[in-house]
N, C-alpha and C. Protein backbone atom coordinates (compact mmCIF):
# COMPACT_ATOMS: atom_id res chain seq x y z
N MET A 1 21.24 12.08 -7.30
CA MET A 1 21.74 12.69 -8.46
C MET A 1 20.98 12.13 -9.81
N ARG A 2 20.79 10.49 -9.59
CA ARG A 2 20.14 10.01 -10.68
C ARG A 2 18.70 10.37 -10.86
N GLU A 3 18.06 10.52 -9.87
CA GLU A 3 16.51 11.16 -10.01
C GLU A 3 16.50 12.27 -10.52
N LEU A 4 17.44 13.25 -10.28
CA LEU A 4 17.36 14.43 -10.90
C LEU A 4 17.85 14.52 -12.49
N ILE A 5 18.47 13.44 -13.11
CA ILE A 5 18.81 13.28 -14.16
C ILE A 5 17.60 12.73 -14.91
N GLN A 6 16.97 11.73 -14.27
CA GLN A 6 15.77 11.21 -14.92
C GLN A 6 14.81 12.19 -15.10
N GLU A 7 14.68 13.08 -14.01
CA GLU A 7 13.71 14.17 -14.12
C GLU A 7 13.76 15.15 -15.28
N LEU A 8 15.19 15.62 -15.43
CA LEU A 8 15.34 16.31 -16.39
C LEU A 8 15.42 15.63 -17.59
N VAL A 9 15.75 14.52 -17.98
CA VAL A 9 15.33 13.62 -19.25
C VAL A 9 13.97 13.76 -19.55
N ALA A 10 13.06 13.44 -18.57
CA ALA A 10 11.87 13.24 -18.97
C ALA A 10 11.05 14.70 -19.40
N HIS A 11 11.74 15.87 -18.82
CA HIS A 11 11.23 17.12 -19.12
C HIS A 11 11.86 17.72 -20.53
N CYS A 12 13.05 17.48 -20.83
CA CYS A 12 13.55 17.70 -22.05
C CYS A 12 12.64 17.61 -23.45
N ALA A 13 11.94 16.75 -23.60
CA ALA A 13 11.04 16.48 -24.66
C ALA A 13 9.96 17.41 -24.63
N ASP A 14 9.42 17.95 -23.36
CA ASP A 14 8.35 18.89 -23.25
C ASP A 14 9.01 20.17 -23.48
N LEU A 15 10.05 20.40 -23.26
CA LEU A 15 10.89 21.90 -23.50
C LEU A 15 11.14 21.85 -24.98
N ARG A 16 11.68 20.84 -25.44
CA ARG A 16 11.64 20.85 -26.92
C ARG A 16 10.59 21.10 -27.66
N ARG A 17 9.36 20.82 -27.47
CA ARG A 17 8.12 20.79 -27.91
C ARG A 17 7.89 22.21 -27.84
N GLN A 18 7.84 22.77 -26.73
CA GLN A 18 7.47 24.16 -26.75
C GLN A 18 8.44 25.09 -27.29
N LEU A 19 9.81 24.92 -27.30
CA LEU A 19 10.66 25.59 -27.88
C LEU A 19 10.42 25.64 -29.57
N THR A 20 9.95 24.46 -30.11
CA THR A 20 9.79 24.41 -31.47
C THR A 20 8.64 25.10 -31.84
N ARG A 21 7.47 25.30 -30.95
CA ARG A 21 6.15 26.09 -31.14
C ARG A 21 6.71 27.47 -31.21
N GLU A 22 7.79 27.93 -30.40
CA GLU A 22 7.96 29.52 -30.19
C GLU A 22 8.88 29.78 -31.35
N LEU A 23 10.00 29.01 -31.47
CA LEU A 23 11.02 29.36 -32.36
C LEU A 23 10.68 29.11 -33.88
N ARG A 24 9.67 28.08 -34.07
CA ARG A 24 9.44 27.62 -35.33
C ARG A 24 10.66 27.01 -36.03
N ASP A 25 11.47 26.31 -35.26
CA ASP A 25 12.57 25.70 -36.05
C ASP A 25 12.90 24.56 -35.12
N PRO A 26 12.88 23.36 -35.57
CA PRO A 26 13.16 22.08 -34.57
C PRO A 26 14.54 21.94 -34.41
N GLN A 27 15.29 22.36 -35.20
CA GLN A 27 16.74 21.87 -34.88
C GLN A 27 17.34 23.01 -34.09
N HIS A 28 17.04 24.22 -34.11
CA HIS A 28 17.15 25.23 -33.07
C HIS A 28 16.75 25.08 -31.71
N ALA A 29 15.41 24.52 -31.79
CA ALA A 29 14.98 24.25 -30.54
C ALA A 29 15.42 23.13 -29.71
N ALA A 30 15.95 21.96 -30.44
CA ALA A 30 16.62 21.09 -30.01
C ALA A 30 18.03 21.41 -29.50
N ASP A 31 18.71 22.50 -30.19
CA ASP A 31 20.06 22.97 -29.83
C ASP A 31 19.86 23.81 -28.36
N ILE A 32 18.90 24.48 -28.23
CA ILE A 32 18.64 25.24 -26.84
C ILE A 32 18.20 24.07 -25.92
N ALA A 33 17.42 23.32 -26.21
CA ALA A 33 16.98 22.50 -25.39
C ALA A 33 18.20 21.70 -24.62
N GLN A 34 18.92 21.10 -25.40
CA GLN A 34 20.24 20.35 -25.04
C GLN A 34 21.19 21.41 -24.21
N SER A 35 21.43 22.67 -24.73
CA SER A 35 22.19 23.54 -23.92
C SER A 35 21.72 23.69 -22.64
N SER A 36 20.28 23.95 -22.42
CA SER A 36 19.45 24.28 -21.23
C SER A 36 19.59 22.99 -20.29
N PHE A 37 19.56 21.71 -20.85
CA PHE A 37 20.05 20.41 -19.98
C PHE A 37 21.26 20.57 -19.51
N GLU A 38 22.49 20.87 -20.14
CA GLU A 38 23.81 20.79 -19.98
C GLU A 38 23.64 21.80 -18.77
N ARG A 39 23.55 22.98 -18.71
CA ARG A 39 23.69 24.11 -17.92
C ARG A 39 23.07 23.53 -16.55
N VAL A 40 21.71 23.03 -16.43
CA VAL A 40 21.18 22.74 -15.38
C VAL A 40 22.02 21.41 -14.59
N TYR A 41 22.63 20.67 -15.58
CA TYR A 41 23.19 19.26 -15.02
C TYR A 41 24.57 19.85 -14.34
N ALA A 42 25.23 20.91 -15.07
CA ALA A 42 26.49 21.41 -14.37
C ALA A 42 26.00 21.93 -13.28
N GLN A 43 25.09 22.83 -12.96
CA GLN A 43 24.56 23.51 -11.93
C GLN A 43 24.61 22.41 -10.64
N ALA A 44 23.91 21.43 -10.89
CA ALA A 44 23.45 20.62 -9.97
C ALA A 44 24.80 19.74 -9.72
N LEU A 45 25.65 19.58 -10.36
CA LEU A 45 26.97 19.10 -10.09
C LEU A 45 27.88 19.91 -9.24
N ALA A 46 27.68 21.23 -9.45
CA ALA A 46 28.69 22.08 -8.83
C ALA A 46 28.41 22.57 -7.46
N GLY A 47 26.81 22.45 -7.20
CA GLY A 47 26.22 22.66 -5.97
C GLY A 47 26.65 23.69 -5.22
N PRO A 48 26.24 23.91 -3.97
CA PRO A 48 26.63 25.19 -3.11
C PRO A 48 28.27 25.35 -2.85
N GLY A 49 28.58 26.32 -2.76
CA GLY A 49 29.92 26.60 -2.38
C GLY A 49 30.69 25.67 -1.49
N ASP A 50 30.06 24.86 -0.63
CA ASP A 50 30.68 23.98 0.60
C ASP A 50 30.67 22.69 0.08
N GLY A 51 30.40 22.32 -1.18
CA GLY A 51 30.89 20.84 -1.72
C GLY A 51 29.55 19.96 -1.70
N ALA A 52 28.52 20.30 -0.75
CA ALA A 52 27.45 19.52 -0.84
C ALA A 52 26.66 19.70 -2.37
N GLN A 53 25.82 18.48 -2.72
CA GLN A 53 25.25 18.68 -3.74
C GLN A 53 23.83 19.72 -3.76
N ALA A 54 23.53 20.29 -4.58
CA ALA A 54 22.56 21.31 -4.51
C ALA A 54 21.09 20.65 -4.76
N ALA A 55 20.27 21.12 -3.76
CA ALA A 55 18.99 20.46 -3.87
C ALA A 55 18.31 21.41 -4.79
N ILE A 56 17.92 20.96 -5.92
CA ILE A 56 16.96 21.85 -6.79
C ILE A 56 15.37 21.52 -6.64
N ALA A 57 14.73 22.66 -6.32
CA ALA A 57 13.38 22.42 -5.62
C ALA A 57 12.46 22.07 -6.93
N SER A 58 12.39 22.72 -8.11
CA SER A 58 11.75 22.23 -9.12
C SER A 58 12.83 22.27 -10.61
N PRO A 59 13.21 21.11 -10.71
CA PRO A 59 14.13 20.99 -11.94
C PRO A 59 13.37 21.13 -13.10
N ARG A 60 12.12 20.84 -13.43
CA ARG A 60 11.54 21.21 -14.78
C ARG A 60 11.56 22.82 -15.06
N ALA A 61 11.15 23.54 -13.82
CA ALA A 61 10.91 25.14 -13.77
C ALA A 61 12.29 25.64 -13.98
N LEU A 62 13.47 25.10 -13.62
CA LEU A 62 14.80 25.66 -13.82
C LEU A 62 15.08 25.05 -14.97
N LEU A 63 14.78 24.37 -15.69
CA LEU A 63 15.07 23.88 -16.95
C LEU A 63 14.51 24.97 -17.80
N PHE A 64 13.28 25.14 -17.87
CA PHE A 64 12.31 26.00 -18.63
C PHE A 64 13.00 27.42 -18.55
N ARG A 65 13.30 27.72 -17.36
CA ARG A 65 13.87 29.14 -17.13
C ARG A 65 15.31 29.34 -18.01
N VAL A 66 15.97 28.38 -17.71
CA VAL A 66 17.31 28.60 -18.37
C VAL A 66 17.11 28.52 -19.83
N ALA A 67 16.29 27.65 -20.42
CA ALA A 67 16.00 27.84 -21.94
C ALA A 67 15.43 29.05 -22.35
N ARG A 68 14.56 29.88 -21.37
CA ARG A 68 14.22 31.03 -21.80
C ARG A 68 15.11 32.04 -21.82
N ASN A 69 16.06 32.12 -20.67
CA ASN A 69 17.32 33.10 -20.65
C ASN A 69 18.03 32.77 -21.84
N LEU A 70 18.42 31.45 -22.28
CA LEU A 70 18.96 31.39 -23.40
C LEU A 70 18.51 32.01 -24.67
N CYS A 71 17.24 31.70 -25.01
CA CYS A 71 16.49 32.55 -25.97
C CYS A 71 16.76 33.94 -25.79
N ILE A 72 16.53 34.55 -24.76
CA ILE A 72 16.71 36.30 -24.65
C ILE A 72 18.18 36.41 -24.99
N ASP A 73 19.10 35.80 -24.52
CA ASP A 73 20.49 36.11 -24.78
C ASP A 73 20.75 35.85 -26.31
N GLU A 74 20.06 34.84 -27.01
CA GLU A 74 20.63 34.94 -28.16
C GLU A 74 19.77 35.80 -29.16
N ALA A 75 18.61 36.57 -28.72
CA ALA A 75 18.03 37.61 -29.39
C ALA A 75 18.60 38.45 -29.23
N ARG A 76 19.24 38.96 -28.02
CA ARG A 76 20.05 40.39 -27.75
C ARG A 76 21.32 40.27 -28.82
N HIS A 77 21.88 39.15 -28.69
CA HIS A 77 22.99 38.90 -29.79
C HIS A 77 22.64 39.10 -31.23
N ARG A 78 21.77 38.72 -31.44
CA ARG A 78 21.28 38.85 -32.75
C ARG A 78 21.11 40.14 -33.10
N GLN A 79 20.42 40.97 -32.14
CA GLN A 79 20.26 42.43 -32.40
C GLN A 79 21.53 43.29 -32.62
N VAL A 80 22.43 42.94 -31.67
CA VAL A 80 23.77 43.41 -31.72
C VAL A 80 24.39 43.27 -32.90
N VAL A 81 24.40 41.80 -33.60
CA VAL A 81 24.74 41.57 -34.99
C VAL A 81 24.27 42.45 -35.80
N GLN A 82 22.76 42.48 -35.80
CA GLN A 82 22.16 43.19 -36.96
C GLN A 82 22.54 44.83 -37.02
N ASN A 83 22.63 45.44 -35.50
CA ASN A 83 22.94 46.76 -35.53
C ASN A 83 24.40 46.84 -36.03
N TRP A 84 25.32 46.01 -35.55
CA TRP A 84 26.66 46.15 -36.16
C TRP A 84 27.01 46.19 -37.78
N ALA A 85 25.91 45.29 -38.32
CA ALA A 85 25.95 44.94 -39.77
C ALA A 85 25.26 46.30 -40.33
N ALA A 86 24.41 46.85 -39.96
CA ALA A 86 23.57 48.03 -40.44
C ALA A 86 24.74 49.07 -40.40
N GLN A 87 25.66 49.34 -39.20
CA GLN A 87 26.48 50.38 -39.40
C GLN A 87 27.68 50.12 -40.37
N GLN A 88 28.05 48.54 -40.48
CA GLN A 88 29.09 48.51 -41.47
C GLN A 88 28.63 48.81 -42.94
N SER A 89 27.38 48.69 -43.30
CA SER A 89 26.89 48.77 -44.61
C SER A 89 26.86 50.38 -45.01
N GLY A 90 26.52 51.09 -43.82
CA GLY A 90 27.00 52.65 -43.91
C GLY A 90 28.50 52.91 -44.30
N PHE A 91 29.27 52.26 -43.54
CA PHE A 91 30.62 52.31 -44.02
C PHE A 91 31.37 51.90 -45.31
N SER A 92 30.76 50.76 -45.66
CA SER A 92 31.21 50.12 -46.75
C SER A 92 30.60 51.12 -48.21
N LEU A 93 29.64 51.99 -47.82
CA LEU A 93 29.15 52.78 -48.94
C LEU A 93 29.98 54.11 -49.06
N GLN A 94 30.58 54.43 -47.89
CA GLN A 94 31.33 55.54 -47.82
C GLN A 94 32.69 55.28 -48.45
N SER A 95 33.17 53.91 -48.13
CA SER A 95 34.45 53.45 -48.67
C SER A 95 34.40 53.10 -50.00
N ALA A 96 33.37 52.99 -50.73
CA ALA A 96 33.27 52.63 -52.12
C ALA A 96 33.36 53.97 -52.92
N ALA A 97 33.79 55.08 -52.39
CA ALA A 97 33.92 56.06 -53.34
C ALA A 97 35.14 55.89 -54.23
N PRO A 98 34.87 56.65 -55.44
CA PRO A 98 36.22 56.07 -56.35
C PRO A 98 37.35 56.96 -56.06
N SER A 99 38.39 56.37 -56.37
CA SER A 99 39.87 56.93 -55.90
C SER A 99 39.94 58.28 -56.83
N CYS A 100 40.93 59.22 -56.58
CA CYS A 100 41.31 60.30 -56.84
C CYS A 100 41.78 59.90 -58.50
N GLU A 101 42.70 58.91 -58.54
CA GLU A 101 43.34 58.31 -59.82
C GLU A 101 41.94 57.88 -60.83
N TYR A 102 41.03 57.56 -60.37
CA TYR A 102 39.94 57.17 -61.26
C TYR A 102 39.06 58.23 -61.65
N VAL A 103 38.87 59.06 -60.79
CA VAL A 103 38.21 60.21 -61.28
C VAL A 103 39.02 61.25 -62.18
N HIS A 104 40.26 61.23 -62.02
CA HIS A 104 41.28 62.02 -62.91
C HIS A 104 41.30 61.42 -64.25
N ALA A 105 41.30 60.04 -64.44
CA ALA A 105 41.09 59.15 -65.70
C ALA A 105 39.98 59.31 -66.34
N GLN A 106 38.87 59.34 -65.53
CA GLN A 106 37.68 59.48 -66.20
C GLN A 106 37.18 61.04 -66.70
N ARG A 107 37.85 61.98 -65.93
CA ARG A 107 38.03 63.42 -66.58
C ARG A 107 38.58 63.41 -67.80
N GLN A 108 39.91 62.82 -67.93
CA GLN A 108 40.74 62.91 -69.14
C GLN A 108 40.01 62.25 -70.46
N VAL A 109 39.09 60.99 -69.96
CA VAL A 109 38.61 60.34 -70.89
C VAL A 109 37.42 61.39 -71.51
N LEU A 110 36.49 62.03 -70.55
CA LEU A 110 35.60 63.02 -71.11
C LEU A 110 35.98 64.14 -71.83
N ARG A 111 37.13 64.79 -71.35
CA ARG A 111 37.70 65.83 -72.20
C ARG A 111 38.22 65.56 -73.53
N ARG A 112 38.79 64.01 -73.72
CA ARG A 112 39.11 63.66 -74.96
C ARG A 112 37.78 63.54 -75.68
N VAL A 113 36.69 62.83 -75.33
CA VAL A 113 35.53 62.76 -76.22
C VAL A 113 34.98 63.82 -76.43
N ILE A 114 34.80 64.86 -75.61
CA ILE A 114 34.47 66.26 -76.05
C ILE A 114 35.18 67.01 -77.18
N GLY A 115 36.55 66.71 -77.03
CA GLY A 115 37.61 67.29 -77.85
C GLY A 115 37.07 66.53 -79.29
N VAL A 116 36.84 65.14 -79.39
CA VAL A 116 36.49 64.57 -80.57
C VAL A 116 35.14 65.06 -81.21
N LEU A 117 34.43 65.14 -80.36
CA LEU A 117 32.86 65.69 -80.86
C LEU A 117 32.97 67.15 -81.36
N GLU A 118 33.96 67.91 -80.88
CA GLU A 118 33.87 69.29 -81.17
C GLU A 118 34.86 69.34 -82.59
N SER A 119 35.33 68.11 -82.84
CA SER A 119 36.36 68.29 -83.99
C SER A 119 35.55 67.63 -85.09
N LEU A 120 34.47 67.12 -84.82
CA LEU A 120 33.53 66.54 -85.90
C LEU A 120 32.82 67.84 -86.86
N PRO A 121 32.91 67.58 -88.03
CA PRO A 121 32.07 68.79 -88.73
C PRO A 121 30.50 69.06 -88.19
N PRO A 122 30.07 70.06 -88.06
CA PRO A 122 28.89 70.62 -87.58
C PRO A 122 27.75 69.61 -87.76
N LEU A 123 27.29 69.31 -89.10
CA LEU A 123 26.08 68.42 -89.26
C LEU A 123 26.30 67.02 -88.69
N ARG A 124 27.73 66.40 -89.00
CA ARG A 124 27.63 65.22 -88.26
C ARG A 124 27.63 65.10 -86.87
N ARG A 125 28.15 66.24 -86.18
CA ARG A 125 28.08 66.35 -84.77
C ARG A 125 26.75 66.35 -84.36
N GLU A 126 25.65 67.32 -85.23
CA GLU A 126 24.72 67.29 -84.70
C GLU A 126 23.91 65.99 -84.95
N VAL A 127 23.89 65.34 -86.10
CA VAL A 127 23.27 64.03 -86.09
C VAL A 127 23.94 63.12 -85.14
N PHE A 128 24.69 63.03 -84.72
CA PHE A 128 25.40 62.08 -83.72
C PHE A 128 24.79 62.35 -82.53
N LEU A 129 24.75 63.66 -82.02
CA LEU A 129 24.32 63.94 -80.86
C LEU A 129 22.74 63.71 -80.85
N LEU A 130 21.92 64.01 -81.84
CA LEU A 130 20.41 63.77 -81.90
C LEU A 130 20.48 62.34 -81.52
N PHE A 131 21.04 61.48 -82.02
CA PHE A 131 20.78 60.08 -82.19
C PHE A 131 21.48 59.65 -80.95
N ARG A 132 22.45 59.76 -80.37
CA ARG A 132 22.98 59.17 -79.35
C ARG A 132 22.76 59.73 -77.88
N ALA A 133 22.62 61.05 -77.85
CA ALA A 133 22.40 62.04 -76.61
C ALA A 133 20.82 62.16 -76.49
N TYR A 134 20.16 62.50 -77.51
CA TYR A 134 18.93 62.69 -77.30
C TYR A 134 17.71 61.54 -77.85
N GLY A 135 18.19 60.65 -78.18
CA GLY A 135 17.36 59.41 -78.56
C GLY A 135 16.61 59.40 -79.86
N PHE A 136 16.78 60.47 -80.63
CA PHE A 136 15.92 60.52 -81.83
C PHE A 136 16.13 59.35 -82.54
N THR A 137 15.19 58.86 -83.71
CA THR A 137 15.45 58.00 -84.61
C THR A 137 16.16 58.74 -85.65
N ARG A 138 16.58 57.60 -86.77
CA ARG A 138 16.99 58.05 -87.89
C ARG A 138 15.84 58.82 -88.80
N THR A 139 14.90 58.51 -88.68
CA THR A 139 13.82 59.17 -89.57
C THR A 139 13.63 60.48 -88.86
N GLU A 140 13.29 60.50 -87.50
CA GLU A 140 13.16 61.93 -87.01
C GLU A 140 14.14 62.60 -87.15
N ILE A 141 15.29 62.32 -87.50
CA ILE A 141 16.63 62.96 -87.65
C ILE A 141 16.52 63.71 -89.12
N SER A 142 16.21 62.66 -89.82
CA SER A 142 15.99 63.20 -91.22
C SER A 142 15.15 64.01 -91.61
N ALA A 143 14.02 63.95 -90.82
CA ALA A 143 12.78 64.81 -91.12
C ALA A 143 13.27 66.31 -90.43
N ARG A 144 13.87 66.24 -89.16
CA ARG A 144 14.23 67.52 -88.62
C ARG A 144 15.31 68.18 -89.34
N LEU A 145 16.37 67.44 -90.09
CA LEU A 145 17.46 68.26 -90.75
C LEU A 145 17.35 68.47 -92.31
N ALA A 146 16.24 67.76 -92.54
CA ALA A 146 15.90 67.76 -93.99
C ALA A 146 16.79 67.03 -94.91
N LEU A 147 17.18 65.90 -94.26
CA LEU A 147 18.33 64.94 -94.95
C LEU A 147 17.82 63.72 -95.19
N SER A 148 18.12 62.97 -96.19
CA SER A 148 17.81 61.73 -96.59
C SER A 148 18.11 60.67 -95.18
N GLU A 149 17.50 59.49 -95.23
CA GLU A 149 17.90 58.68 -94.16
C GLU A 149 19.14 57.85 -94.37
N ALA A 150 19.33 57.80 -95.84
CA ALA A 150 20.90 57.40 -95.88
C ALA A 150 21.84 58.16 -95.58
N ALA A 151 21.73 59.56 -95.74
CA ALA A 151 22.51 60.73 -95.28
C ALA A 151 22.77 60.62 -93.62
N VAL A 152 21.81 60.34 -93.11
CA VAL A 152 21.89 60.25 -91.50
C VAL A 152 22.61 59.18 -91.17
N ALA A 153 22.38 58.04 -91.73
CA ALA A 153 23.19 56.72 -91.62
C ALA A 153 24.59 56.78 -91.80
N LYS A 154 24.98 57.67 -92.82
CA LYS A 154 26.42 57.91 -93.32
C LYS A 154 27.19 58.70 -92.45
N HIS A 155 26.21 59.81 -91.79
CA HIS A 155 26.90 60.45 -90.74
C HIS A 155 26.95 59.95 -89.32
N LEU A 156 26.28 59.19 -89.01
CA LEU A 156 26.28 58.22 -88.15
C LEU A 156 27.58 57.22 -88.03
N VAL A 157 27.60 56.51 -89.06
CA VAL A 157 28.67 55.67 -89.27
C VAL A 157 30.04 56.24 -89.25
N ARG A 158 30.18 57.61 -89.86
CA ARG A 158 31.41 58.37 -89.59
C ARG A 158 31.67 58.88 -88.30
N ALA A 159 30.59 59.41 -87.80
CA ALA A 159 31.09 59.63 -86.28
C ALA A 159 31.20 58.69 -85.32
N ALA A 160 30.49 57.54 -85.61
CA ALA A 160 31.08 56.25 -84.66
C ALA A 160 32.43 55.77 -84.89
N LEU A 161 32.96 55.98 -86.21
CA LEU A 161 34.11 55.44 -86.50
C LEU A 161 35.36 56.56 -86.02
N ASP A 162 35.07 57.78 -85.92
CA ASP A 162 35.66 59.00 -85.45
C ASP A 162 36.13 58.74 -84.02
N CYS A 163 34.87 58.31 -83.34
CA CYS A 163 34.90 58.19 -81.93
C CYS A 163 35.65 56.91 -81.63
N SER A 164 35.32 55.71 -82.39
CA SER A 164 36.05 54.49 -82.08
C SER A 164 37.53 54.53 -82.19
N ARG A 165 38.07 55.61 -83.09
CA ARG A 165 39.38 55.49 -83.49
C ARG A 165 40.18 56.27 -82.22
N VAL A 166 39.42 57.04 -81.60
CA VAL A 166 39.96 57.74 -80.48
C VAL A 166 40.04 56.93 -79.31
N PHE A 167 38.94 56.00 -79.11
CA PHE A 167 39.02 55.19 -77.92
C PHE A 167 39.98 54.04 -78.15
N ALA A 168 40.41 53.83 -79.51
CA ALA A 168 41.22 52.71 -79.81
C ALA A 168 42.56 53.12 -79.53
N GLU A 169 42.95 54.66 -79.92
CA GLU A 169 44.28 55.19 -79.47
C GLU A 169 44.29 55.46 -77.87
N MET A 170 43.37 55.29 -77.29
CA MET A 170 43.43 55.54 -75.79
C MET A 170 43.60 54.24 -75.04
N GLN A 171 43.06 53.15 -75.83
CA GLN A 171 43.24 51.85 -75.29
C GLN A 171 44.77 51.58 -75.49
N ALA A 172 45.24 51.73 -76.62
CA ALA A 172 46.51 51.39 -77.13
C ALA A 172 47.61 52.31 -76.08
N ALA A 173 47.17 53.37 -75.92
CA ALA A 173 48.05 54.10 -74.91
C ALA A 173 47.97 53.60 -73.67
N LEU A 174 47.08 52.95 -73.08
CA LEU A 174 47.18 52.32 -71.76
C LEU A 174 47.80 51.23 -71.79
N ILE A 175 47.55 50.41 -72.67
CA ILE A 175 48.11 49.07 -72.80
C ILE A 175 49.72 49.12 -73.00
N GLU A 176 50.06 49.98 -74.03
CA GLU A 176 51.55 50.08 -74.33
C GLU A 176 52.21 51.05 -73.35
N ALA A 177 51.87 51.41 -72.18
CA ALA A 177 52.60 52.16 -71.23
C ALA A 177 53.73 51.60 -71.38
N PRO A 178 55.13 52.63 -71.19
CA PRO A 178 56.37 52.06 -71.19
C PRO A 178 56.41 51.38 -69.77
N ALA A 179 57.25 50.41 -69.82
CA ALA A 179 57.35 49.37 -68.63
C ALA A 179 58.66 49.93 -68.15
N VAL A 180 59.09 49.83 -66.94
CA VAL A 180 60.32 50.09 -66.26
C VAL A 180 61.08 48.85 -66.49
N SER A 181 62.23 49.01 -67.16
CA SER A 181 63.02 47.63 -66.93
C SER A 181 64.65 48.02 -66.62
N PRO A 182 65.23 47.11 -65.77
CA PRO A 182 66.35 47.30 -65.34
C PRO A 182 67.47 47.70 -66.29
N ARG A 183 68.22 48.71 -66.18
CA ARG A 183 69.31 48.94 -67.00
C ARG A 183 70.30 48.02 -67.29
N SER A 184 70.87 47.63 -68.51
CA SER A 184 71.74 46.75 -68.82
C SER A 184 72.99 46.83 -67.96
N SER A 185 73.28 48.18 -67.67
CA SER A 185 74.70 48.19 -66.85
C SER A 185 74.41 47.81 -65.49
N PHE A 186 73.25 47.74 -64.79
CA PHE A 186 72.81 47.25 -63.75
C PHE A 186 72.87 45.82 -63.89
N ARG A 187 72.54 45.08 -64.70
CA ARG A 187 72.30 43.79 -64.95
C ARG A 187 73.77 43.01 -64.81
N ALA A 188 74.83 44.10 -65.46
CA ALA A 188 76.09 43.59 -65.66
C ALA A 188 77.00 43.56 -64.41
N THR A 189 76.68 44.73 -63.57
CA THR A 189 77.17 44.96 -62.08
C THR A 189 76.87 43.82 -61.28
N LEU A 190 75.64 43.48 -61.33
CA LEU A 190 75.06 42.37 -60.50
C LEU A 190 75.79 41.05 -60.86
N ALA A 191 75.89 40.89 -62.13
CA ALA A 191 76.42 39.49 -62.60
C ALA A 191 78.09 39.61 -62.05
N GLU A 192 78.49 40.72 -62.17
CA GLU A 192 80.13 40.63 -61.70
C GLU A 192 79.98 40.43 -60.25
N ASP A 193 79.21 40.99 -59.55
CA ASP A 193 79.18 40.99 -58.10
C ASP A 193 79.06 39.61 -57.62
N TRP A 194 78.24 38.65 -58.40
CA TRP A 194 78.03 37.30 -58.05
C TRP A 194 78.88 36.21 -58.48
N ALA A 195 79.98 36.71 -59.41
CA ALA A 195 80.88 36.04 -60.28
C ALA A 195 82.08 35.67 -59.11
């Protein structure tokens, strides 16, 4: 048994060098070499079923074969993990769909914004849409609508103020939603029960 251990130890350095060349990672190569040594040593200790020690014809060949098998097993495991991760990424995209409540809230906001834009005076609405929706500059809008740049700026500021008022009202409505509070009679009943 001592000779087998000495031979395995002598071949571990060769195995580690070869694995380092193949795997291009010295730490990982050392881990595989150690695992291979442990498995061959455990096999030698276990021996055949009758309790006698097993005679390993070529400890070096067995050590290298076990290392190769460990590398193959690890590559298969890595492939399974990658396939699973690819499948899960597809599921996470599907589960990232917005909730019904979110879609409903966004539609309400959109309806409110459209209502505000429709309530603006026609010239102010046109100036605002040309600037915000279509990306025209103030100079281009003034040339297109035959207005001064100061008038275009005035219409943009007023439209922005009108829109910001609506957004402020919507935000206040969301923040100041009525909170459910316990009734005073319920509190009194609780106090009587505990007294």
